[in-house]
PDB file of N, CA and C in Angstrom:
ATOM      1  N   UNK A   1     -16.095 -30.244 -80.653  1.00  0.00           N
ATOM      2  CA  UNK A   1     -15.993 -28.718 -79.703  1.00  0.00           C
ATOM      3  C   UNK A   1     -17.572 -28.231 -79.227  1.00  0.00           C
ATOM      4  N   UNK A   2     -17.291 -28.230 -78.122  1.00  0.00           N
ATOM      5  CA  UNK A   2     -18.875 -27.376 -77.988  1.00  0.00           C
ATOM      6  C   UNK A   2     -19.023 -25.807 -77.855  1.00  0.00           C
ATOM      7  N   UNK A   3     -19.673 -25.367 -77.747  1.00  0.00           N
ATOM      8  CA  UNK A   3     -20.568 -24.399 -78.321  1.00  0.00           C
ATOM      9  C   UNK A   3     -19.815 -23.065 -76.915  1.00  0.00           C
ATOM     10  N   UNK A   4     -19.496 -23.442 -76.145  1.00  0.00           N
ATOM     11  CA  UNK A   4     -18.800 -22.601 -74.629  1.00  0.00           C
ATOM     12  C   UNK A   4     -17.534 -23.018 -74.984  1.00  0.00           C
ATOM     13  N   UNK A   5     -17.097 -23.743 -75.324  1.00  0.00           N
ATOM     14  CA  UNK A   5     -15.355 -23.519 -75.168  1.00  0.00           C
ATOM     15  C   UNK A   5     -14.915 -22.858 -76.827  1.00  0.00           C
ATOM     16  N   UNK A   6     -16.029 -23.045 -77.844  1.00  0.00           N
ATOM     17  CA  UNK A   6     -15.674 -21.792 -78.891  1.00  0.00           C
ATOM     18  C   UNK A   6     -15.849 -20.620 -78.496  1.00  0.00           C
ATOM     19  N   UNK A   7     -16.324 -20.454 -77.481  1.00  0.00           N
ATOM     20  CA  UNK A   7     -16.899 -18.983 -76.703  1.00  0.00           C
ATOM     21  C   UNK A   7     -15.577 -18.348 -76.416  1.00  0.00           C
ATOM     22  N   UNK A   8     -14.868 -19.484 -75.180  1.00  0.00           N
ATOM     23  CA  UNK A   8     -14.057 -19.057 -74.793  1.00  0.00           C
ATOM     24  C   UNK A   8     -13.082 -18.680 -75.808  1.00  0.00           C
ATOM     25  N   UNK A   9     -12.511 -19.181 -76.354  1.00  0.00           N
ATOM     26  CA  UNK A   9     -12.004 -18.870 -77.007  1.00  0.00           C
ATOM     27  C   UNK A   9     -11.660 -17.795 -78.104  1.00  0.00           C
ATOM     28  N   UNK A  10     -12.595 -17.443 -78.328  1.00  0.00           N
ATOM     29  CA  UNK A  10     -12.652 -16.345 -78.994  1.00  0.00           C
ATOM     30  C   UNK A  10     -12.933 -15.055 -77.835  1.00  0.00           C
ATOM     31  N   UNK A  11     -12.872 -14.889 -76.795  1.00  0.00           N
ATOM     32  CA  UNK A  11     -13.052 -13.831 -76.422  1.00  0.00           C
ATOM     33  C   UNK A  11     -11.114 -14.129 -75.158  1.00  0.00           C
ATOM     34  N   UNK A  12     -10.684 -14.353 -75.390  1.00  0.00           N
ATOM     35  CA  UNK A  12      -9.398 -15.176 -74.563  1.00  0.00           C
ATOM     36  C   UNK A  12      -8.921 -13.509 -75.114  1.00  0.00           C
ATOM     37  N   UNK A  13      -7.292 -13.152 -74.179  1.00  0.00           N
ATOM     38  CA  UNK A  13      -6.828 -12.165 -74.263  1.00  0.00           C
ATOM     39  C   UNK A  13      -5.709 -12.105 -75.186  1.00  0.00           C
ATOM     40  N   UNK A  14      -5.978 -11.051 -76.263  1.00  0.00           N
ATOM     41  CA  UNK A  14      -4.673 -11.306 -76.929  1.00  0.00           C
ATOM     42  C   UNK A  14      -3.634 -10.721 -76.840  1.00  0.00           C
ATOM     43  N   UNK A  15      -2.348 -11.908 -76.433  1.00  0.00           N
ATOM     44  CA  UNK A  15      -1.075 -12.416 -76.286  1.00  0.00           C
ATOM     45  C   UNK A  15       0.132 -10.949 -76.919  1.00  0.00           C
ATOM     46  N   UNK A  16       1.134 -10.983 -77.030  1.00  0.00           N
ATOM     47  CA  UNK A  16       1.929 -10.863 -78.025  1.00  0.00           C
ATOM     48  C   UNK A  16       2.342 -11.924 -78.559  1.00  0.00           C
ATOM     49  N   UNK A  17       2.514 -13.391 -78.491  1.00  0.00           N
ATOM     50  CA  UNK A  17       2.552 -14.414 -79.144  1.00  0.00           C
ATOM     51  C   UNK A  17       1.571 -14.089 -80.133  1.00  0.00           C
ATOM     52  N   UNK A  18       0.383 -14.094 -79.903  1.00  0.00           N
ATOM     53  CA  UNK A  18       0.075 -14.505 -80.770  1.00  0.00           C
ATOM     54  C   UNK A  18      -0.970 -13.130 -81.749  1.00  0.00           C
ATOM     55  N   UNK A  19       0.242 -11.952 -81.577  1.00  0.00           N
ATOM     56  CA  UNK A  19      -0.301 -11.003 -82.485  1.00  0.00           C
ATOM     57  C   UNK A  19       1.201 -10.966 -83.347  1.00  0.00           C
ATOM     58  N   UNK A  20       2.312 -11.780 -83.139  1.00  0.00           N
ATOM     59  CA  UNK A  20       3.273 -11.951 -83.895  1.00  0.00           C
ATOM     60  C   UNK A  20       4.525 -12.329 -83.842  1.00  0.00           C
ATOM     61  N   UNK A  21       5.473 -12.577 -84.017  1.00  0.00           N
ATOM     62  CA  UNK A  21       6.762 -12.353 -83.649  1.00  0.00           C
ATOM     63  C   UNK A  21       7.357 -10.277 -83.202  1.00  0.00           C
ATOM     64  N   UNK A  22       7.918 -10.132 -82.508  1.00  0.00           N
ATOM     65  CA  UNK A  22       7.918  -8.770 -82.357  1.00  0.00           C
ATOM     66  C   UNK A  22       7.514  -8.249 -81.750  1.00  0.00           C
ATOM     67  N   UNK A  23       6.060  -8.107 -81.345  1.00  0.00           N
ATOM     68  CA  UNK A  23       5.638  -7.406 -81.336  1.00  0.00           C
ATOM     69  C   UNK A  23       4.322  -7.138 -80.249  1.00  0.00           C
ATOM     70  N   UNK A  24       4.423  -5.785 -79.106  1.00  0.00           N
ATOM     71  CA  UNK A  24       3.826  -5.630 -78.141  1.00  0.00           C
ATOM     72  C   UNK A  24       2.523  -5.522 -77.662  1.00  0.00           C
ATOM     73  N   UNK A  25       1.815  -5.721 -77.061  1.00  0.00           N
ATOM     74  CA  UNK A  25       0.472  -5.143 -76.061  1.00  0.00           C
ATOM     75  C   UNK A  25       0.141  -4.020 -76.952  1.00  0.00           C
ATOM     76  N   UNK A  26      -0.969  -3.160 -77.454  1.00  0.00           N
ATOM     77  CA  UNK A  26      -1.266  -2.026 -77.830  1.00  0.00           C
ATOM     78  C   UNK A  26      -0.991  -1.470 -76.014  1.00  0.00           C
ATOM     79  N   UNK A  27      -1.844  -2.085 -75.394  1.00  0.00           N
ATOM     80  CA  UNK A  27      -1.908  -1.234 -74.045  1.00  0.00           C
ATOM     81  C   UNK A  27      -0.720  -1.483 -73.422  1.00  0.00           C
ATOM     82  N   UNK A  28       0.292  -1.918 -73.693  1.00  0.00           N
ATOM     83  CA  UNK A  28       1.537  -1.397 -73.204  1.00  0.00           C
ATOM     84  C   UNK A  28       2.104  -0.647 -73.459  1.00  0.00           C
ATOM     85  N   UNK A  29       1.809  -0.216 -75.158  1.00  0.00           N
ATOM     86  CA  UNK A  29       3.046   0.923 -75.754  1.00  0.00           C
ATOM     87  C   UNK A  29       2.379   2.063 -75.520  1.00  0.00           C
ATOM     88  N   UNK A  30       0.793   1.743 -74.937  1.00  0.00           N
ATOM     89  CA  UNK A  30       0.471   3.061 -74.738  1.00  0.00           C
ATOM     90  C   UNK A  30       0.849   3.741 -73.232  1.00  0.00           C
ATOM     91  N   UNK A  31       1.005   2.730 -72.546  1.00  0.00           N
ATOM     92  CA  UNK A  31       1.062   3.093 -70.698  1.00  0.00           C
ATOM     93  C   UNK A  31       2.825   3.477 -70.968  1.00  0.00           C
ATOM     94  N   UNK A  32       2.985   2.692 -71.701  1.00  0.00           N
ATOM     95  CA  UNK A  32       4.848   3.234 -71.779  1.00  0.00           C
ATOM     96  C   UNK A  32       5.171   4.857 -71.900  1.00  0.00           C
ATOM     97  N   UNK A  33       4.543   4.760 -73.750  1.00  0.00           N
ATOM     98  CA  UNK A  33       4.107   6.330 -74.185  1.00  0.00           C
ATOM     99  C   UNK A  33       4.151   7.401 -73.261  1.00  0.00           C
ATOM    100  N   UNK A  34       2.853   6.699 -72.378  1.00  0.00           N
ATOM    101  CA  UNK A  34       2.536   7.906 -71.292  1.00  0.00           C
ATOM    102  C   UNK A  34       3.343   8.269 -70.206  1.00  0.00           C
ATOM    103  N   UNK A  35       3.598   7.335 -69.806  1.00  0.00           N
ATOM    104  CA  UNK A  35       4.671   7.199 -68.347  1.00  0.00           C
ATOM    105  C   UNK A  35       5.896   8.219 -69.164  1.00  0.00           C
ATOM    106  N   UNK A  36       6.471   7.747 -70.296  1.00  0.00           N
ATOM    107  CA  UNK A  36       7.627   8.257 -71.046  1.00  0.00           C
ATOM    108  C   UNK A  36       6.925  10.048 -70.972  1.00  0.00           C
ATOM    109  N   UNK A  37       6.004  10.707 -71.003  1.00  0.00           N
ATOM    110  CA  UNK A  37       6.021  11.960 -71.525  1.00  0.00           C
ATOM    111  C   UNK A  37       5.370  12.213 -70.007  1.00  0.00           C
ATOM    112  N   UNK A  38       5.019  11.561 -69.324  1.00  0.00           N
ATOM    113  CA  UNK A  38       4.973  12.186 -67.566  1.00  0.00           C
ATOM    114  C   UNK A  38       6.503  12.204 -66.567  1.00  0.00           C
ATOM    115  N   UNK A  39       7.102  11.347 -67.111  1.00  0.00           N
ATOM    116  CA  UNK A  39       8.179  11.241 -66.357  1.00  0.00           C
ATOM    117  C   UNK A  39       9.180  12.460 -67.001  1.00  0.00           C
ATOM    118  N   UNK A  40       9.206  12.670 -68.183  1.00  0.00           N
ATOM    119  CA  UNK A  40       9.912  14.228 -68.577  1.00  0.00           C
ATOM    120  C   UNK A  40       9.071  15.429 -68.194  1.00  0.00           C
ATOM    121  N   UNK A  41       8.053  15.517 -67.893  1.00  0.00           N
ATOM    122  CA  UNK A  41       7.643  16.825 -67.377  1.00  0.00           C
ATOM    123  C   UNK A  41       7.441  16.510 -65.691  1.00  0.00           C
ATOM    124  N   UNK A  42       7.361  15.914 -65.092  1.00  0.00           N
ATOM    125  CA  UNK A  42       7.638  15.731 -63.861  1.00  0.00           C
ATOM    126  C   UNK A  42       9.869  16.173 -63.108  1.00  0.00           C
ATOM    127  N   UNK A  43      10.379  15.414 -64.651  1.00  0.00           N
ATOM    128  CA  UNK A  43      11.942  15.769 -64.327  1.00  0.00           C
ATOM    129  C   UNK A  43      11.978  17.190 -64.846  1.00  0.00           C
ATOM    130  N   UNK A  44      11.139  17.996 -66.126  1.00  0.00           N
ATOM    131  CA  UNK A  44      11.317  19.304 -66.420  1.00  0.00           C
ATOM    132  C   UNK A  44      10.709  20.076 -65.419  1.00  0.00           C
ATOM    133  N   UNK A  45       9.508  19.780 -64.408  1.00  0.00           N
ATOM    134  CA  UNK A  45       9.751  20.647 -63.338  1.00  0.00           C
ATOM    135  C   UNK A  45      10.768  20.966 -61.865  1.00  0.00           C
ATOM    136  N   UNK A  46      11.141  19.625 -61.848  1.00  0.00           N
ATOM    137  CA  UNK A  46      11.711  19.596 -60.716  1.00  0.00           C
ATOM    138  C   UNK A  46      13.022  20.141 -61.365  1.00  0.00           C
ATOM    139  N   UNK A  47      13.664  20.424 -62.467  1.00  0.00           N
ATOM    140  CA  UNK A  47      14.752  21.075 -63.139  1.00  0.00           C
ATOM    141  C   UNK A  47      14.262  22.693 -62.595  1.00  0.00           C
ATOM    142  N   UNK A  48      13.553  23.057 -63.331  1.00  0.00           N
ATOM    143  CA  UNK A  48      12.528  24.286 -63.101  1.00  0.00           C
ATOM    144  C   UNK A  48      12.937  25.140 -61.510  1.00  0.00           C
ATOM    145  N   UNK A  49      12.085  24.061 -60.477  1.00  0.00           N
ATOM    146  CA  UNK A  49      12.684  24.242 -59.678  1.00  0.00           C
ATOM    147  C   UNK A  49      13.926  24.127 -58.861  1.00  0.00           C
ATOM    148  N   UNK A  50      14.980  23.973 -58.951  1.00  0.00           N
ATOM    149  CA  UNK A  50      16.151  24.051 -58.787  1.00  0.00           C
ATOM    150  C   UNK A  50      16.873  25.143 -58.808  1.00  0.00           C
ATOM    151  N   UNK A  51      16.448  25.631 -60.770  1.00  0.00           N
ATOM    152  CA  UNK A  51      16.771  26.825 -61.226  1.00  0.00           C
ATOM    153  C   UNK A  51      16.306  28.144 -60.547  1.00  0.00           C
ATOM    154  N   UNK A  52      15.373  27.758 -60.226  1.00  0.00           N
ATOM    155  CA  UNK A  52      14.545  29.159 -59.766  1.00  0.00           C
ATOM    156  C   UNK A  52      14.717  29.048 -58.001  1.00  0.00           C
ATOM    157  N   UNK A  53      14.976  28.242 -57.556  1.00  0.00           N
ATOM    158  CA  UNK A  53      15.873  27.701 -56.081  1.00  0.00           C
ATOM    159  C   UNK A  53      17.595  28.466 -56.114  1.00  0.00           C
ATOM    160  N   UNK A  54      17.792  28.248 -57.582  1.00  0.00           N
ATOM    161  CA  UNK A  54      19.478  27.907 -57.480  1.00  0.00           C
ATOM    162  C   UNK A  54      19.557  29.935 -57.237  1.00  0.00           C
ATOM    163  N   UNK A  55      18.474  30.660 -58.249  1.00  0.00           N
ATOM    164  CA  UNK A  55      18.439  32.366 -58.424  1.00  0.00           C
ATOM    165  C   UNK A  55      18.318  33.048 -56.655  1.00  0.00           C
ATOM    166  N   UNK A  56      18.001  32.210 -55.821  1.00  0.00           N
ATOM    167  CA  UNK A  56      17.432  33.124 -54.836  1.00  0.00           C
ATOM    168  C   UNK A  56      18.920  33.116 -53.965  1.00  0.00           C
ATOM    169  N   UNK A  57      19.396  32.580 -53.898  1.00  0.00           N
ATOM    170  CA  UNK A  57      20.817  32.473 -53.128  1.00  0.00           C
ATOM    171  C   UNK A  57      21.969  33.650 -53.052  1.00  0.00           C
TER     172      UNK A  57
END
């Protein structure tokens, strides 16, 4: 095995299969958590808008 092929194997991205059964990549978990928080904040903002808008009628 040449030195070049060994270097490329070490720099390969870690996938879910390489980390073990049932594990998700760390970036995916962080992104899902961020989207979950952002989605709830946006939903709360819309709820607030509709509640304040309904009081003015």
